[in-house]
Amino acid sequence: MALACLLFVACSRTPDDEAIRAAISAGAAAIEAHRGKDVLDLVTDDFVGNDGIDREELAQVVRAQLLGANALGVRIGAVTVELHGDRAVARFDADFTDSSGRWIADRAKTVHFDTGWRREQGTWRCYNAKWSSDAR
């Protein structure tokens, strides 16, 4: 009986919505730790963001922002996930703080994200995103 329990636990996988939320949290932690590569690992090669920004342009933006900021903080609000097979939509607000004031002029900003995710070889990765700091 104990062996059956161990096999069940070992074979169980994280539910898809939890895996996407965990990826979003990992991205926030990577920003705070100034680990741009870890942020980009969450994004597909064919990523498209605001105004057609591609993965390489996103990489340049992330590098520039992380280079100039001293202490970044990211707090992710509630994440809603809509699953559609191997694709999903996740929406959330993120509160960013920047103690240097270089990245965020007023040192704090809330940004709303609408993100598209797909499962690639068992891992959820973001393939598109739209973000806005407009009042919601």
Protein backbone atom coordinates (compact mmCIF):
# COMPACT_ATOMS: atom_id res chain seq x y z
CA MET A 1 0.00 0.00 0.00
CA ALA A 2 2.82 2.44 0.85
CA LEU A 3 4.43 1.75 -2.53
CA ALA A 4 1.18 2.59 -4.31
CA CYS A 5 0.98 5.91 -2.43
CA LEU A 6 4.57 6.77 -3.34
CA LEU A 7 3.95 5.97 -7.01
CA PHE A 8 0.82 8.11 -7.04
CA VAL A 9 2.66 11.09 -5.54
CA ALA A 10 5.65 10.63 -7.85
CA CYS A 11 3.45 10.42 -10.95
CA SER A 12 1.14 13.28 -10.09
CA ARG A 13 1.81 16.57 -11.79
CA THR A 14 1.05 20.13 -10.93
CA PRO A 15 -2.32 21.24 -12.30
CA ASP A 16 -1.92 23.46 -15.37
CA ASP A 17 -3.33 26.61 -13.80
CA GLU A 18 -0.98 26.23 -10.82
CA ALA A 19 1.99 25.66 -13.16
CA ILE A 20 1.20 28.91 -15.01
CA ARG A 21 0.84 30.83 -11.75
CA ALA A 22 4.16 29.36 -10.58
CA ALA A 23 5.84 30.48 -13.82
CA ILE A 24 4.50 34.02 -13.35
CA SER A 25 5.78 34.05 -9.76
CA ALA A 26 9.16 32.74 -10.92
CA GLY A 27 9.34 35.58 -13.45
CA ALA A 28 8.64 38.14 -10.72
CA ALA A 29 11.32 36.60 -8.50
CA ALA A 30 13.79 36.64 -11.41
CA ILE A 31 13.18 40.35 -11.98
CA GLU A 32 13.74 41.11 -8.30
CA ALA A 33 16.98 39.09 -8.39
CA HIS A 34 18.15 40.80 -11.61
CA ARG A 35 18.19 37.46 -13.47
CA GLY A 36 17.08 38.50 -16.95
CA LYS A 37 17.90 35.13 -18.50
CA ASP A 38 15.47 33.43 -16.13
CA VAL A 39 12.75 35.86 -17.23
CA LEU A 40 13.43 35.08 -20.89
CA ASP A 41 13.39 31.33 -20.23
CA LEU A 42 9.64 31.74 -19.61
CA VAL A 43 9.08 33.20 -23.08
CA THR A 44 8.78 31.32 -26.40
CA ASP A 45 11.10 31.97 -29.33
CA ASP A 46 8.18 33.44 -31.31
CA PHE A 47 6.97 35.72 -28.50
CA VAL A 48 5.02 38.85 -29.48
CA GLY A 49 4.25 41.69 -27.08
CA ASN A 50 3.00 45.27 -27.19
CA ASP A 51 3.54 47.04 -30.52
CA GLY A 52 4.93 43.84 -32.04
CA ILE A 53 7.93 43.59 -29.69
CA ASP A 54 9.61 40.24 -30.26
CA ARG A 55 11.67 38.07 -27.94
CA GLU A 56 14.98 39.72 -28.83
CA GLU A 57 13.57 43.21 -28.28
CA LEU A 58 12.09 42.05 -24.98
CA ALA A 59 15.52 40.74 -23.99
CA GLN A 60 17.06 44.16 -24.71
CA VAL A 61 14.40 45.94 -22.66
CA VAL A 62 14.81 43.54 -19.73
CA ARG A 63 18.62 43.88 -19.78
CA ALA A 64 18.46 47.67 -19.91
CA GLN A 65 15.92 47.91 -17.10
CA LEU A 66 17.74 45.48 -14.82
CA LEU A 67 21.07 47.15 -15.45
CA GLY A 68 19.80 50.55 -14.38
CA ALA A 69 17.72 49.65 -11.36
CA ASN A 70 19.12 49.13 -7.88
CA ALA A 71 16.39 47.36 -5.92
CA LEU A 72 13.34 46.20 -7.83
CA GLY A 73 10.25 44.82 -6.18
CA VAL A 74 7.43 42.93 -7.87
CA ARG A 75 4.18 41.93 -6.23
CA ILE A 76 1.81 39.84 -8.34
CA GLY A 77 -1.89 40.21 -7.64
CA ALA A 78 -4.52 37.54 -8.21
CA VAL A 79 -3.90 35.59 -11.42
CA THR A 80 -6.90 34.37 -13.40
CA VAL A 81 -6.17 31.49 -15.75
CA GLU A 82 -8.43 30.25 -18.54
CA LEU A 83 -7.31 26.89 -19.89
CA HIS A 84 -7.93 25.87 -23.50
CA GLY A 85 -6.16 22.52 -23.93
CA ASP A 86 -2.46 23.18 -24.48
CA ARG A 87 -3.05 26.94 -24.49
CA ALA A 88 -4.12 29.32 -21.76
CA VAL A 89 -4.78 32.96 -21.02
CA ALA A 90 -3.56 34.45 -17.74
CA ARG A 91 -4.49 37.93 -16.53
CA PHE A 92 -3.01 39.72 -13.55
CA ASP A 93 -1.81 43.00 -12.12
CA ALA A 94 1.76 43.47 -10.98
CA ASP A 95 2.93 46.19 -8.63
CA PHE A 96 6.50 47.26 -9.46
CA THR A 97 8.73 49.31 -7.20
CA ASP A 98 12.15 50.75 -7.98
CA SER A 99 14.13 52.30 -5.16
CA SER A 100 16.44 54.11 -7.60
CA GLY A 101 13.61 55.83 -9.47
CA ARG A 102 15.46 55.13 -12.72
CA TRP A 103 13.22 52.40 -14.09
CA ILE A 104 10.00 53.75 -12.62
CA ALA A 105 10.08 57.54 -12.32
CA ASP A 106 7.61 57.72 -9.45
CA ARG A 107 9.21 54.63 -7.84
CA ALA A 108 6.00 52.57 -8.00
CA LYS A 109 3.67 51.49 -10.77
CA THR A 110 0.88 48.97 -11.28
CA VAL A 111 0.81 47.22 -14.65
CA HIS A 112 -2.00 45.01 -15.98
CA PHE A 113 -0.98 41.98 -18.04
CA ASP A 114 -3.00 39.85 -20.48
CA THR A 115 -0.78 36.91 -21.39
CA GLY A 116 -1.06 33.91 -23.69
CA TRP A 117 0.61 30.65 -22.69
CA ARG A 118 1.17 27.33 -24.42
CA ARG A 119 2.55 24.02 -23.31
CA GLU A 120 5.85 23.16 -24.99
CA GLN A 121 7.32 19.76 -24.17
CA GLY A 122 5.42 19.70 -20.89
CA THR A 123 6.37 23.24 -19.81
CA TRP A 124 4.11 26.29 -19.94
CA ARG A 125 5.73 29.27 -21.70
CA CYS A 126 4.40 32.71 -22.56
CA TYR A 127 3.98 33.31 -26.30
CA ASN A 128 2.23 36.69 -26.22
CA ALA A 129 1.58 39.48 -23.79
CA LYS A 130 -0.10 42.84 -23.67
CA TRP A 131 0.54 45.18 -20.78
CA SER A 132 -0.78 48.54 -19.76
CA SER A 133 -0.31 50.88 -16.83
CA ASP A 134 -3.56 52.69 -17.59
CA ALA A 135 -5.96 53.00 -14.69
CA ARG A 136 -8.30 50.02 -14.66
